[in-house]
């Protein structure tokens, strides 16, 4: 699915009119085009399914040595997204992704790229975690994946309850991370 920039331009112009402003005034003349170009960038992930994202980043390497229970953790990956309920910014998001390799590993930058691409959609924080875990499983061949996300939601901080300091933490635990309390504890210690 390609993002329709022309439709976005027209709708943004309509929103400006609905807000009681003049979309042809200085300062707003180019706003519909700027917003269309911004949406094309920040919603890039909407162009791809989870399976397509996994295929984009599935460059893997054989795991050196014998198979083990060693954990790979990349923490504090900074992303942002937009809440599908209000189209409000989800910001100051830090994503931590852990997995136990089963014969192959992927490049560490691929983990950050997966998180970023999944976040570039109209999303829920809970689904971002689930989507990242799914893509990681497809890309690594491991079902042992954990995703922990902490973030702020402008739909809570800038409107409604206006709770400025509120942060949301979500966890997605699959495979051994879901079943093994010792592994969960080890992961949580590593995240501190």
C-alpha atoms as a PDB file:
ATOM      1  CA  UNK A   1       0.000   0.000   0.000  1.00  0.00           C
ATOM      2  CA  UNK A   2       1.469   3.326  -0.999  1.00  0.00           C
ATOM      3  CA  UNK A   3       0.739   6.411   1.044  1.00  0.00           C
ATOM      4  CA  UNK A   4      -1.493   8.770  -0.960  1.00  0.00           C
ATOM      5  CA  UNK A   5       0.179  12.146  -0.452  1.00  0.00           C
ATOM      6  CA  UNK A   6      -2.286  13.998  -2.668  1.00  0.00           C
ATOM      7  CA  UNK A   7      -5.243  12.807  -0.581  1.00  0.00           C
ATOM      8  CA  UNK A   8      -3.382  13.804   2.603  1.00  0.00           C
ATOM      9  CA  UNK A   9      -2.760  17.300   1.179  1.00  0.00           C
ATOM     10  CA  UNK A  10      -6.456  17.756   0.431  1.00  0.00           C
ATOM     11  CA  UNK A  11      -7.578  16.450   3.817  1.00  0.00           C
ATOM     12  CA  UNK A  12      -5.098  18.620   5.730  1.00  0.00           C
ATOM     13  CA  UNK A  13      -6.352  21.639   3.802  1.00  0.00           C
ATOM     14  CA  UNK A  14      -9.886  20.652   4.838  1.00  0.00           C
ATOM     15  CA  UNK A  15      -8.814  20.285   8.472  1.00  0.00           C
ATOM     16  CA  UNK A  16      -7.285  23.772   8.421  1.00  0.00           C
ATOM     17  CA  UNK A  17     -10.569  25.143   7.070  1.00  0.00           C
ATOM     18  CA  UNK A  18     -12.551  23.169   9.670  1.00  0.00           C
ATOM     19  CA  UNK A  19     -10.354  24.704  12.382  1.00  0.00           C
ATOM     20  CA  UNK A  20     -11.419  28.140  11.115  1.00  0.00           C
ATOM     21  CA  UNK A  21      -8.125  29.095   9.523  1.00  0.00           C
ATOM     22  CA  UNK A  22      -7.222  30.079   5.973  1.00  0.00           C
ATOM     23  CA  UNK A  23      -5.024  27.433   4.307  1.00  0.00           C
ATOM     24  CA  UNK A  24      -3.918  30.049   1.741  1.00  0.00           C
ATOM     25  CA  UNK A  25      -2.501  32.475   4.301  1.00  0.00           C
ATOM     26  CA  UNK A  26       1.246  32.962   4.697  1.00  0.00           C
ATOM     27  CA  UNK A  27       2.574  30.304   7.077  1.00  0.00           C
ATOM     28  CA  UNK A  28      -0.056  27.742   6.097  1.00  0.00           C
ATOM     29  CA  UNK A  29       0.275  27.756   2.283  1.00  0.00           C
ATOM     30  CA  UNK A  30       2.771  24.897   2.262  1.00  0.00           C
ATOM     31  CA  UNK A  31       1.472  23.112   5.369  1.00  0.00           C
ATOM     32  CA  UNK A  32      -0.601  20.475   3.530  1.00  0.00           C
ATOM     33  CA  UNK A  33       2.442  19.502   1.436  1.00  0.00           C
ATOM     34  CA  UNK A  34       4.768  19.485   4.475  1.00  0.00           C
ATOM     35  CA  UNK A  35       2.343  17.285   6.423  1.00  0.00           C
ATOM     36  CA  UNK A  36       1.965  14.895   3.461  1.00  0.00           C
ATOM     37  CA  UNK A  37       5.745  14.519   3.188  1.00  0.00           C
ATOM     38  CA  UNK A  38       6.054  14.076   6.962  1.00  0.00           C
ATOM     39  CA  UNK A  39       3.315  11.409   7.004  1.00  0.00           C
ATOM     40  CA  UNK A  40       5.045   9.549   4.184  1.00  0.00           C
ATOM     41  CA  UNK A  41       8.159   9.383   6.377  1.00  0.00           C
ATOM     42  CA  UNK A  42       6.696   8.757   9.849  1.00  0.00           C
ATOM     43  CA  UNK A  43       4.173   6.177   8.615  1.00  0.00           C
ATOM     44  CA  UNK A  44       6.583   4.304   6.334  1.00  0.00           C
ATOM     45  CA  UNK A  45       5.938   1.064   8.217  1.00  0.00           C
ATOM     46  CA  UNK A  46       2.329   1.067   7.022  1.00  0.00           C
ATOM     47  CA  UNK A  47       3.644   0.110   3.588  1.00  0.00           C
ATOM     48  CA  UNK A  48       4.817  -3.291   4.855  1.00  0.00           C
ATOM     49  CA  UNK A  49       3.354  -6.306   6.603  1.00  0.00           C
ATOM     50  CA  UNK A  50       5.208  -7.892   9.517  1.00  0.00           C
ATOM     51  CA  UNK A  51       6.311 -10.711   7.210  1.00  0.00           C
ATOM     52  CA  UNK A  52       7.704  -8.184   4.713  1.00  0.00           C
ATOM     53  CA  UNK A  53       9.608  -6.393   7.500  1.00  0.00           C
ATOM     54  CA  UNK A  54      11.040  -9.744   8.641  1.00  0.00           C
ATOM     55  CA  UNK A  55      12.183 -10.446   5.082  1.00  0.00           C
ATOM     56  CA  UNK A  56      13.789  -6.979   4.846  1.00  0.00           C
ATOM     57  CA  UNK A  57      15.917  -7.577   7.949  1.00  0.00           C
ATOM     58  CA  UNK A  58      16.505 -11.332   7.983  1.00  0.00           C
ATOM     59  CA  UNK A  59      20.229 -11.127   7.208  1.00  0.00           C
ATOM     60  CA  UNK A  60      21.587 -13.606   9.716  1.00  0.00           C
ATOM     61  CA  UNK A  61      24.859 -15.227  10.639  1.00  0.00           C
ATOM     62  CA  UNK A  62      25.566 -18.690  11.970  1.00  0.00           C
ATOM     63  CA  UNK A  63      25.851 -18.658  15.713  1.00  0.00           C
ATOM     64  CA  UNK A  64      29.478 -19.312  16.716  1.00  0.00           C
ATOM     65  CA  UNK A  65      30.156 -22.342  18.901  1.00  0.00           C
ATOM     66  CA  UNK A  66      27.600 -24.690  20.338  1.00  0.00           C
ATOM     67  CA  UNK A  67      23.990 -23.743  20.780  1.00  0.00           C
ATOM     68  CA  UNK A  68      23.495 -22.260  24.211  1.00  0.00           C
ATOM     69  CA  UNK A  69      21.010 -20.399  26.320  1.00  0.00           C
ATOM     70  CA  UNK A  70      22.927 -17.139  25.852  1.00  0.00           C
ATOM     71  CA  UNK A  71      20.673 -14.127  25.587  1.00  0.00           C
ATOM     72  CA  UNK A  72      21.106 -11.234  23.167  1.00  0.00           C
ATOM     73  CA  UNK A  73      19.681  -7.967  24.489  1.00  0.00           C
ATOM     74  CA  UNK A  74      19.533  -4.601  22.770  1.00  0.00           C
ATOM     75  CA  UNK A  75      18.027  -2.061  25.118  1.00  0.00           C
ATOM     76  CA  UNK A  76      16.917   1.548  25.005  1.00  0.00           C
ATOM     77  CA  UNK A  77      16.192   1.671  21.268  1.00  0.00           C
ATOM     78  CA  UNK A  78      14.558   5.071  20.834  1.00  0.00           C
ATOM     79  CA  UNK A  79      11.455   5.157  18.652  1.00  0.00           C
ATOM     80  CA  UNK A  80       8.262   7.155  18.376  1.00  0.00           C
ATOM     81  CA  UNK A  81       4.874   6.253  17.008  1.00  0.00           C
ATOM     82  CA  UNK A  82       1.349   7.583  16.666  1.00  0.00           C
ATOM     83  CA  UNK A  83      -1.586   6.272  18.663  1.00  0.00           C
ATOM     84  CA  UNK A  84      -4.283   4.894  16.402  1.00  0.00           C
ATOM     85  CA  UNK A  85      -7.023   6.170  18.723  1.00  0.00           C
ATOM     86  CA  UNK A  86      -6.194   9.902  18.587  1.00  0.00           C
ATOM     87  CA  UNK A  87      -3.350   9.993  16.038  1.00  0.00           C
ATOM     88  CA  UNK A  88      -1.418  11.497  18.949  1.00  0.00           C
ATOM     89  CA  UNK A  89       2.329  11.172  19.341  1.00  0.00           C
ATOM     90  CA  UNK A  90       3.761   8.380  21.480  1.00  0.00           C
ATOM     91  CA  UNK A  91       7.178   9.715  22.450  1.00  0.00           C
ATOM     92  CA  UNK A  92      10.232   9.124  24.648  1.00  0.00           C
ATOM     93  CA  UNK A  93       9.730   5.456  23.805  1.00  0.00           C
ATOM     94  CA  UNK A  94      12.516   3.080  24.703  1.00  0.00           C
ATOM     95  CA  UNK A  95      12.295  -0.419  23.291  1.00  0.00           C
ATOM     96  CA  UNK A  96      14.345  -3.309  24.653  1.00  0.00           C
ATOM     97  CA  UNK A  97      14.474  -6.529  22.636  1.00  0.00           C
ATOM     98  CA  UNK A  98      15.949  -9.813  23.872  1.00  0.00           C
ATOM     99  CA  UNK A  99      16.147 -13.181  22.168  1.00  0.00           C
ATOM    100  CA  UNK A 100      17.870 -16.512  22.580  1.00  0.00           C
ATOM    101  CA  UNK A 101      19.539 -17.457  19.291  1.00  0.00           C
ATOM    102  CA  UNK A 102      18.906 -20.924  17.885  1.00  0.00           C
ATOM    103  CA  UNK A 103      21.748 -21.501  15.459  1.00  0.00           C
ATOM    104  CA  UNK A 104      21.792 -18.031  13.948  1.00  0.00           C
ATOM    105  CA  UNK A 105      22.005 -14.408  15.003  1.00  0.00           C
ATOM    106  CA  UNK A 106      21.062 -11.192  13.236  1.00  0.00           C
ATOM    107  CA  UNK A 107      23.041  -7.973  13.164  1.00  0.00           C
ATOM    108  CA  UNK A 108      22.352  -5.757  16.161  1.00  0.00           C
ATOM    109  CA  UNK A 109      21.405  -2.814  13.946  1.00  0.00           C
ATOM    110  CA  UNK A 110      18.696  -4.983  12.382  1.00  0.00           C
ATOM    111  CA  UNK A 111      16.978  -5.227  15.768  1.00  0.00           C
ATOM    112  CA  UNK A 112      16.829  -1.428  16.019  1.00  0.00           C
ATOM    113  CA  UNK A 113      15.634  -1.179  12.403  1.00  0.00           C
ATOM    114  CA  UNK A 114      12.852  -3.703  13.073  1.00  0.00           C
ATOM    115  CA  UNK A 115      11.689  -1.720  16.118  1.00  0.00           C
ATOM    116  CA  UNK A 116      11.755   1.533  14.167  1.00  0.00           C
ATOM    117  CA  UNK A 117       9.871   0.161  11.149  1.00  0.00           C
ATOM    118  CA  UNK A 118       7.165  -1.465  13.296  1.00  0.00           C
ATOM    119  CA  UNK A 119       6.698   1.818  15.205  1.00  0.00           C
ATOM    120  CA  UNK A 120       6.189   3.783  11.960  1.00  0.00           C
ATOM    121  CA  UNK A 121       2.503   2.933  11.837  1.00  0.00           C
ATOM    122  CA  UNK A 122      -0.689   3.998  13.510  1.00  0.00           C
ATOM    123  CA  UNK A 123      -0.205   1.760  16.529  1.00  0.00           C
ATOM    124  CA  UNK A 124      -0.911   0.770  20.087  1.00  0.00           C
ATOM    125  CA  UNK A 125       2.108   0.361  22.338  1.00  0.00           C
ATOM    126  CA  UNK A 126       0.975  -3.174  23.150  1.00  0.00           C
ATOM    127  CA  UNK A 127       0.858  -4.079  19.459  1.00  0.00           C
ATOM    128  CA  UNK A 128       4.279  -2.571  18.812  1.00  0.00           C
ATOM    129  CA  UNK A 129       5.692  -5.126  21.259  1.00  0.00           C
ATOM    130  CA  UNK A 130       3.725  -7.997  19.762  1.00  0.00           C
ATOM    131  CA  UNK A 131       4.697  -6.996  16.207  1.00  0.00           C
ATOM    132  CA  UNK A 132       8.392  -6.658  17.077  1.00  0.00           C
ATOM    133  CA  UNK A 133       8.351 -10.076  18.768  1.00  0.00           C
ATOM    134  CA  UNK A 134       6.700 -11.641  15.710  1.00  0.00           C
ATOM    135  CA  UNK A 135       9.172 -10.048  13.269  1.00  0.00           C
ATOM    136  CA  UNK A 136      12.121 -11.035  15.475  1.00  0.00           C
ATOM    137  CA  UNK A 137      10.906 -14.644  15.585  1.00  0.00           C
ATOM    138  CA  UNK A 138      10.579 -14.731  11.803  1.00  0.00           C
ATOM    139  CA  UNK A 139      13.970 -13.073  11.237  1.00  0.00           C
ATOM    140  CA  UNK A 140      15.925 -15.140  13.793  1.00  0.00           C
ATOM    141  CA  UNK A 141      14.096 -18.470  13.769  1.00  0.00           C
ATOM    142  CA  UNK A 142      13.788 -18.217  17.564  1.00  0.00           C
ATOM    143  CA  UNK A 143      10.490 -18.206  19.438  1.00  0.00           C
ATOM    144  CA  UNK A 144      12.320 -17.093  22.585  1.00  0.00           C
ATOM    145  CA  UNK A 145      11.790 -13.348  22.269  1.00  0.00           C
ATOM    146  CA  UNK A 146      11.002 -10.613  24.795  1.00  0.00           C
ATOM    147  CA  UNK A 147      10.097  -6.989  24.089  1.00  0.00           C
ATOM    148  CA  UNK A 148       9.778  -4.362  26.805  1.00  0.00           C
ATOM    149  CA  UNK A 149       8.641  -0.850  25.912  1.00  0.00           C
ATOM    150  CA  UNK A 150       8.386   2.263  28.035  1.00  0.00           C
ATOM    151  CA  UNK A 151       6.886   5.404  26.597  1.00  0.00           C
ATOM    152  CA  UNK A 152       4.833   8.550  27.013  1.00  0.00           C
ATOM    153  CA  UNK A 153       1.558   9.152  25.202  1.00  0.00           C
ATOM    154  CA  UNK A 154       0.502  12.673  24.295  1.00  0.00           C
ATOM    155  CA  UNK A 155      -3.112  11.474  24.324  1.00  0.00           C
ATOM    156  CA  UNK A 156      -2.574  11.251  28.118  1.00  0.00           C
ATOM    157  CA  UNK A 157      -0.049  14.040  28.697  1.00  0.00           C
ATOM    158  CA  UNK A 158      -1.337  16.839  26.429  1.00  0.00           C
ATOM    159  CA  UNK A 159      -5.089  16.234  26.487  1.00  0.00           C
ATOM    160  CA  UNK A 160      -7.696  14.458  28.573  1.00  0.00           C
ATOM    161  CA  UNK A 161      -6.262  13.786  32.017  1.00  0.00           C
ATOM    162  CA  UNK A 162      -3.059  15.752  31.218  1.00  0.00           C
ATOM    163  CA  UNK A 163      -0.931  13.535  33.402  1.00  0.00           C
ATOM    164  CA  UNK A 164       2.470  14.945  32.460  1.00  0.00           C
ATOM    165  CA  UNK A 165       4.670  12.342  34.180  1.00  0.00           C
ATOM    166  CA  UNK A 166       2.725   9.228  33.189  1.00  0.00           C
ATOM    167  CA  UNK A 167       4.681   6.499  31.421  1.00  0.00           C
ATOM    168  CA  UNK A 168       3.325   3.270  30.020  1.00  0.00           C
ATOM    169  CA  UNK A 169       5.326   0.041  30.233  1.00  0.00           C
ATOM    170  CA  UNK A 170       4.376  -3.010  28.198  1.00  0.00           C
ATOM    171  CA  UNK A 171       5.967  -6.437  28.026  1.00  0.00           C
ATOM    172  CA  UNK A 172       5.701  -9.121  25.393  1.00  0.00           C
ATOM    173  CA  UNK A 173       7.196 -12.423  26.516  1.00  0.00           C
ATOM    174  CA  UNK A 174       7.316 -15.420  24.174  1.00  0.00           C
ATOM    175  CA  UNK A 175       8.798 -18.908  24.402  1.00  0.00           C
ATOM    176  CA  UNK A 176      11.240 -19.425  27.260  1.00  0.00           C
ATOM    177  CA  UNK A 177      10.811 -15.814  28.382  1.00  0.00           C
ATOM    178  CA  UNK A 178       7.157 -16.586  29.089  1.00  0.00           C
ATOM    179  CA  UNK A 179       7.785 -19.968  30.734  1.00  0.00           C
ATOM    180  CA  UNK A 180      10.997 -19.501  32.733  1.00  0.00           C
ATOM    181  CA  UNK A 181      10.765 -17.205  35.777  1.00  0.00           C
ATOM    182  CA  UNK A 182      14.553 -17.356  36.234  1.00  0.00           C
ATOM    183  CA  UNK A 183      15.092 -16.120  32.677  1.00  0.00           C
ATOM    184  CA  UNK A 184      12.545 -13.351  33.243  1.00  0.00           C
ATOM    185  CA  UNK A 185      14.374 -12.263  36.404  1.00  0.00           C
ATOM    186  CA  UNK A 186      17.728 -12.308  34.585  1.00  0.00           C
ATOM    187  CA  UNK A 187      16.246 -10.153  31.820  1.00  0.00           C
ATOM    188  CA  UNK A 188      14.774  -7.662  34.284  1.00  0.00           C
ATOM    189  CA  UNK A 189      18.129  -7.362  36.093  1.00  0.00           C
ATOM    190  CA  UNK A 190      19.833  -6.663  32.770  1.00  0.00           C
ATOM    191  CA  UNK A 191      17.320  -3.916  32.003  1.00  0.00           C
ATOM    192  CA  UNK A 192      18.140  -1.935  35.157  1.00  0.00           C
END
